[in-house]
Amino acid sequence: MKFLTKLDFTEDQINYLNENASGVMLDSIHKSRKLVASNLNFLIELGVKNYRDIFLEYYDLFLLDNSNFVEIFNKYDREDLVDKLEKNVAIIEYL
């Protein structure tokens, strides 16, 4: 999961992921690291500051094809979405 350190994840955050995700999921994340990084970078470019928290709670979402991932977020007003995600990452379930 070293690719996550390039995206400013701490060792504690990576350890949290390793402890809470299944082995199959960790393997999928590792095998799809370019896709996962691309989706994370989209959130960063969108202005989402708590992208790490979102990833740690909803890591399976980041395995979606990039175009599908982007489509989920582009349905909403950018500023409003970023503001709501900062206040409550759980709203991601309703997007």
C-alpha atoms as a PDB file:
ATOM      1  CA  MET A   1       0.000   0.000   0.000  1.00  0.00           C
ATOM      2  CA  LYS A   2       2.966   2.295  -0.458  1.00  0.00           C
ATOM      3  CA  PHE A   3       1.140   4.118  -3.245  1.00  0.00           C
ATOM      4  CA  LEU A   4      -1.123   5.587  -0.551  1.00  0.00           C
ATOM      5  CA  THR A   5       1.811   7.342   1.106  1.00  0.00           C
ATOM      6  CA  LYS A   6       2.267   9.315  -2.125  1.00  0.00           C
ATOM      7  CA  LEU A   7      -1.285  10.552  -1.568  1.00  0.00           C
ATOM      8  CA  ASP A   8      -0.449  11.773   1.953  1.00  0.00           C
ATOM      9  CA  PHE A   9      -1.838   8.813   3.872  1.00  0.00           C
ATOM     10  CA  THR A  10      -0.057   8.267   7.182  1.00  0.00           C
ATOM     11  CA  GLU A  11       1.299   4.934   8.328  1.00  0.00           C
ATOM     12  CA  ASP A  12      -1.474   4.850  10.956  1.00  0.00           C
ATOM     13  CA  GLN A  13      -4.120   5.304   8.270  1.00  0.00           C
ATOM     14  CA  ILE A  14      -2.594   2.550   6.145  1.00  0.00           C
ATOM     15  CA  ASN A  15      -2.427   0.283   9.194  1.00  0.00           C
ATOM     16  CA  TYR A  16      -6.095   1.045   9.884  1.00  0.00           C
ATOM     17  CA  LEU A  17      -6.953  -0.032   6.347  1.00  0.00           C
ATOM     18  CA  ASN A  18      -4.880  -3.205   6.671  1.00  0.00           C
ATOM     19  CA  GLU A  19      -6.612  -4.091   9.933  1.00  0.00           C
ATOM     20  CA  ASN A  20     -10.169  -3.367   8.794  1.00  0.00           C
ATOM     21  CA  ALA A  21     -10.356  -4.432   5.157  1.00  0.00           C
ATOM     22  CA  SER A  22     -10.560  -8.063   4.144  1.00  0.00           C
ATOM     23  CA  GLY A  23      -7.586  -9.729   2.519  1.00  0.00           C
ATOM     24  CA  VAL A  24      -9.494  -9.990  -0.754  1.00  0.00           C
ATOM     25  CA  MET A  25     -10.291  -6.270  -0.663  1.00  0.00           C
ATOM     26  CA  LEU A  26      -6.693  -5.347   0.145  1.00  0.00           C
ATOM     27  CA  ASP A  27      -5.542  -7.488  -2.763  1.00  0.00           C
ATOM     28  CA  SER A  28      -8.040  -5.787  -5.075  1.00  0.00           C
ATOM     29  CA  ILE A  29      -6.909  -2.345  -3.937  1.00  0.00           C
ATOM     30  CA  HIS A  30      -3.287  -3.292  -4.482  1.00  0.00           C
ATOM     31  CA  LYS A  31      -3.929  -4.775  -7.929  1.00  0.00           C
ATOM     32  CA  SER A  32      -6.009  -1.735  -8.920  1.00  0.00           C
ATOM     33  CA  ARG A  33      -3.742   0.868  -7.324  1.00  0.00           C
ATOM     34  CA  LYS A  34      -3.643   3.045 -10.469  1.00  0.00           C
ATOM     35  CA  LEU A  35      -7.432   3.149 -10.581  1.00  0.00           C
ATOM     36  CA  VAL A  36      -7.684   3.803  -6.835  1.00  0.00           C
ATOM     37  CA  ALA A  37      -5.087   6.587  -7.097  1.00  0.00           C
ATOM     38  CA  SER A  38      -6.932   8.093 -10.049  1.00  0.00           C
ATOM     39  CA  ASN A  39     -10.194   8.170  -8.102  1.00  0.00           C
ATOM     40  CA  LEU A  40      -8.469   9.618  -5.039  1.00  0.00           C
ATOM     41  CA  ASN A  41      -6.829  12.277  -7.202  1.00  0.00           C
ATOM     42  CA  PHE A  42     -10.230  13.207  -8.591  1.00  0.00           C
ATOM     43  CA  LEU A  43     -11.471  13.946  -5.061  1.00  0.00           C
ATOM     44  CA  ILE A  44      -8.311  15.912  -4.313  1.00  0.00           C
ATOM     45  CA  GLU A  45      -8.779  17.996  -7.472  1.00  0.00           C
ATOM     46  CA  LEU A  46     -12.434  18.473  -6.571  1.00  0.00           C
ATOM     47  CA  GLY A  47     -11.275  20.109  -3.337  1.00  0.00           C
ATOM     48  CA  VAL A  48     -12.288  17.392  -0.883  1.00  0.00           C
ATOM     49  CA  LYS A  49      -9.903  17.800   2.036  1.00  0.00           C
ATOM     50  CA  ASN A  50     -11.029  14.726   3.958  1.00  0.00           C
ATOM     51  CA  TYR A  51     -10.546  12.318   1.035  1.00  0.00           C
ATOM     52  CA  ARG A  52      -8.459  10.043   3.277  1.00  0.00           C
ATOM     53  CA  ASP A  53     -11.364   9.631   5.725  1.00  0.00           C
ATOM     54  CA  ILE A  54     -13.718   8.883   2.852  1.00  0.00           C
ATOM     55  CA  PHE A  55     -11.343   6.289   1.446  1.00  0.00           C
ATOM     56  CA  LEU A  56     -10.840   4.577   4.800  1.00  0.00           C
ATOM     57  CA  GLU A  57     -14.599   4.229   5.283  1.00  0.00           C
ATOM     58  CA  TYR A  58     -15.648   3.496   1.691  1.00  0.00           C
ATOM     59  CA  TYR A  59     -12.547   1.971   0.085  1.00  0.00           C
ATOM     60  CA  ASP A  60     -14.632  -0.328  -2.102  1.00  0.00           C
ATOM     61  CA  LEU A  61     -16.110   2.720  -3.852  1.00  0.00           C
ATOM     62  CA  PHE A  62     -12.641   3.580  -5.146  1.00  0.00           C
ATOM     63  CA  LEU A  63     -12.557   0.356  -7.174  1.00  0.00           C
ATOM     64  CA  LEU A  64     -15.248   1.709  -9.491  1.00  0.00           C
ATOM     65  CA  ASP A  65     -14.249   2.514 -13.040  1.00  0.00           C
ATOM     66  CA  ASN A  66     -13.007   6.116 -13.059  1.00  0.00           C
ATOM     67  CA  SER A  67     -15.728   7.373 -15.388  1.00  0.00           C
ATOM     68  CA  ASN A  68     -18.428   5.871 -13.146  1.00  0.00           C
ATOM     69  CA  PHE A  69     -16.712   7.274 -10.055  1.00  0.00           C
ATOM     70  CA  VAL A  70     -16.527  10.765 -11.552  1.00  0.00           C
ATOM     71  CA  GLU A  71     -20.142  10.565 -12.714  1.00  0.00           C
ATOM     72  CA  ILE A  72     -21.339   9.986  -9.141  1.00  0.00           C
ATOM     73  CA  PHE A  73     -19.802  13.256  -7.965  1.00  0.00           C
ATOM     74  CA  ASN A  74     -20.462  15.379 -11.050  1.00  0.00           C
ATOM     75  CA  LYS A  75     -24.215  15.145 -10.506  1.00  0.00           C
ATOM     76  CA  TYR A  76     -23.975  17.689  -7.695  1.00  0.00           C
ATOM     77  CA  ASP A  77     -22.909  21.282  -7.205  1.00  0.00           C
ATOM     78  CA  ARG A  78     -19.195  21.125  -6.512  1.00  0.00           C
ATOM     79  CA  GLU A  79     -19.000  23.583  -3.591  1.00  0.00           C
ATOM     80  CA  ASP A  80     -22.085  22.180  -1.912  1.00  0.00           C
ATOM     81  CA  LEU A  81     -20.854  18.612  -2.267  1.00  0.00           C
ATOM     82  CA  VAL A  82     -17.389  19.399  -0.893  1.00  0.00           C
ATOM     83  CA  ASP A  83     -18.940  21.240   2.049  1.00  0.00           C
ATOM     84  CA  LYS A  84     -21.309  18.376   2.845  1.00  0.00           C
ATOM     85  CA  LEU A  85     -18.566  15.759   2.564  1.00  0.00           C
ATOM     86  CA  GLU A  86     -16.385  17.724   4.962  1.00  0.00           C
ATOM     87  CA  LYS A  87     -19.192  17.833   7.508  1.00  0.00           C
ATOM     88  CA  ASN A  88     -20.286  14.210   7.154  1.00  0.00           C
ATOM     89  CA  VAL A  89     -18.537  11.538   5.067  1.00  0.00           C
ATOM     90  CA  ALA A  90     -21.527   9.221   5.533  1.00  0.00           C
ATOM     91  CA  ILE A  91     -23.504  11.155   2.932  1.00  0.00           C
ATOM     92  CA  ILE A  92     -21.400   9.343   0.359  1.00  0.00           C
ATOM     93  CA  GLU A  93     -23.816   6.433   0.788  1.00  0.00           C
ATOM     94  CA  TYR A  94     -26.611   8.570  -0.653  1.00  0.00           C
ATOM     95  CA  LEU A  95     -24.838   9.858  -3.759  1.00  0.00           C
END
